[in-house]
Structures are given as structure tokens and as C-alpha cells.
């Protein structure tokens, strides 16, 4: 691997780390109006999760 491609990989790795940490930081605070979730909300969320499992999109 050449030096320039090594730098490119390092930069992409750094950008990925920043993107992941930014997404994690954005999800740790809930808006003030978000409280207890309804049964319909939880049913919809678990249905989507189950669909991913059935389709094999969940990493093994």
C-alpha cells in the first residue's frame, strides 16, 4: 500500500470515528416533550426489529 493510500485510509477512519461519536452524542438527550411511549409506539418499533430479523438483515 502506498503512502498516499495509507493516509486516505487513516483519514476515512478518523472521519468514521467522528461520525459515529457525533451520532451517539445526538441520541443521548431526549427532547423535553418526550415522555412515556405508547403501546402502539412500542409495537411498531418491535415489529420493525422483528422484520429485520426475519429478513436476515441483523448482523450475526
C-alpha atoms as a PDB file:
ATOM      1  CA  UNK A   1       0.000   0.000   0.000  1.00  0.00           C
ATOM      2  CA  UNK A   2       1.408   3.388  -0.942  1.00  0.00           C
ATOM      3  CA  UNK A   3       1.835   6.236   1.490  1.00  0.00           C
ATOM      4  CA  UNK A   4      -0.984   8.284  -0.071  1.00  0.00           C
ATOM      5  CA  UNK A   5      -3.474   5.420   0.149  1.00  0.00           C
ATOM      6  CA  UNK A   6      -2.424   4.833   3.766  1.00  0.00           C
ATOM      7  CA  UNK A   7      -3.191   8.456   4.556  1.00  0.00           C
ATOM      8  CA  UNK A   8      -6.545   8.149   2.809  1.00  0.00           C
ATOM      9  CA  UNK A   9      -7.449   5.100   4.926  1.00  0.00           C
ATOM     10  CA  UNK A  10      -6.384   6.930   8.100  1.00  0.00           C
ATOM     11  CA  UNK A  11      -8.475   9.968   7.182  1.00  0.00           C
ATOM     12  CA  UNK A  12     -11.513   7.838   6.393  1.00  0.00           C
ATOM     13  CA  UNK A  13     -11.093   6.000   9.687  1.00  0.00           C
ATOM     14  CA  UNK A  14     -10.891   9.287  11.583  1.00  0.00           C
ATOM     15  CA  UNK A  15     -13.963  10.636   9.770  1.00  0.00           C
ATOM     16  CA  UNK A  16     -15.878   7.461  10.614  1.00  0.00           C
ATOM     17  CA  UNK A  17     -14.954   7.759  14.302  1.00  0.00           C
ATOM     18  CA  UNK A  18     -16.133  11.378  14.377  1.00  0.00           C
ATOM     19  CA  UNK A  19     -19.406  10.489  12.628  1.00  0.00           C
ATOM     20  CA  UNK A  20     -20.167   7.614  14.991  1.00  0.00           C
ATOM     21  CA  UNK A  21     -19.360   9.623  18.118  1.00  0.00           C
ATOM     22  CA  UNK A  22     -21.469  12.519  16.838  1.00  0.00           C
ATOM     23  CA  UNK A  23     -24.442  10.241  16.265  1.00  0.00           C
ATOM     24  CA  UNK A  24     -24.042   8.733  19.733  1.00  0.00           C
ATOM     25  CA  UNK A  25     -23.919  12.192  21.301  1.00  0.00           C
ATOM     26  CA  UNK A  26     -27.060  13.242  19.463  1.00  0.00           C
ATOM     27  CA  UNK A  27     -29.049  10.303  20.790  1.00  0.00           C
ATOM     28  CA  UNK A  28     -28.206  10.634  24.479  1.00  0.00           C
ATOM     29  CA  UNK A  29     -30.502  13.616  25.124  1.00  0.00           C
ATOM     30  CA  UNK A  30     -34.248  13.388  24.679  1.00  0.00           C
ATOM     31  CA  UNK A  31     -36.346  16.424  23.827  1.00  0.00           C
ATOM     32  CA  UNK A  32     -38.276  17.850  26.800  1.00  0.00           C
ATOM     33  CA  UNK A  33     -41.621  16.713  25.372  1.00  0.00           C
ATOM     34  CA  UNK A  34     -40.686  13.058  25.084  1.00  0.00           C
ATOM     35  CA  UNK A  35     -42.045  11.022  27.941  1.00  0.00           C
ATOM     36  CA  UNK A  36     -43.559   7.599  28.295  1.00  0.00           C
ATOM     37  CA  UNK A  37     -44.130   5.900  24.936  1.00  0.00           C
ATOM     38  CA  UNK A  38     -47.483   4.454  23.958  1.00  0.00           C
ATOM     39  CA  UNK A  39     -48.172   0.787  23.367  1.00  0.00           C
ATOM     40  CA  UNK A  40     -48.627   1.499  19.650  1.00  0.00           C
ATOM     41  CA  UNK A  41     -45.156   3.081  19.518  1.00  0.00           C
ATOM     42  CA  UNK A  42     -43.516   0.040  21.149  1.00  0.00           C
ATOM     43  CA  UNK A  43     -45.474  -2.379  18.948  1.00  0.00           C
ATOM     44  CA  UNK A  44     -44.368  -0.544  15.807  1.00  0.00           C
ATOM     45  CA  UNK A  45     -40.726  -0.476  16.956  1.00  0.00           C
ATOM     46  CA  UNK A  46     -40.613  -4.174  17.836  1.00  0.00           C
ATOM     47  CA  UNK A  47     -42.385  -5.006  14.565  1.00  0.00           C
ATOM     48  CA  UNK A  48     -39.668  -3.267  12.563  1.00  0.00           C
ATOM     49  CA  UNK A  49     -36.995  -5.042  14.624  1.00  0.00           C
ATOM     50  CA  UNK A  50     -38.713  -8.394  14.017  1.00  0.00           C
ATOM     51  CA  UNK A  51     -38.905  -7.652  10.293  1.00  0.00           C
ATOM     52  CA  UNK A  52     -35.147  -7.083  10.192  1.00  0.00           C
ATOM     53  CA  UNK A  53     -34.601 -10.381  11.992  1.00  0.00           C
ATOM     54  CA  UNK A  54     -36.887 -12.251   9.614  1.00  0.00           C
ATOM     55  CA  UNK A  55     -35.249 -10.751   6.540  1.00  0.00           C
ATOM     56  CA  UNK A  56     -31.798 -11.615   7.823  1.00  0.00           C
ATOM     57  CA  UNK A  57     -30.563  -8.039   7.996  1.00  0.00           C
ATOM     58  CA  UNK A  58     -29.473  -8.352  11.645  1.00  0.00           C
ATOM     59  CA  UNK A  59     -25.726  -8.988  11.811  1.00  0.00           C
ATOM     60  CA  UNK A  60     -24.889 -12.465  13.027  1.00  0.00           C
END
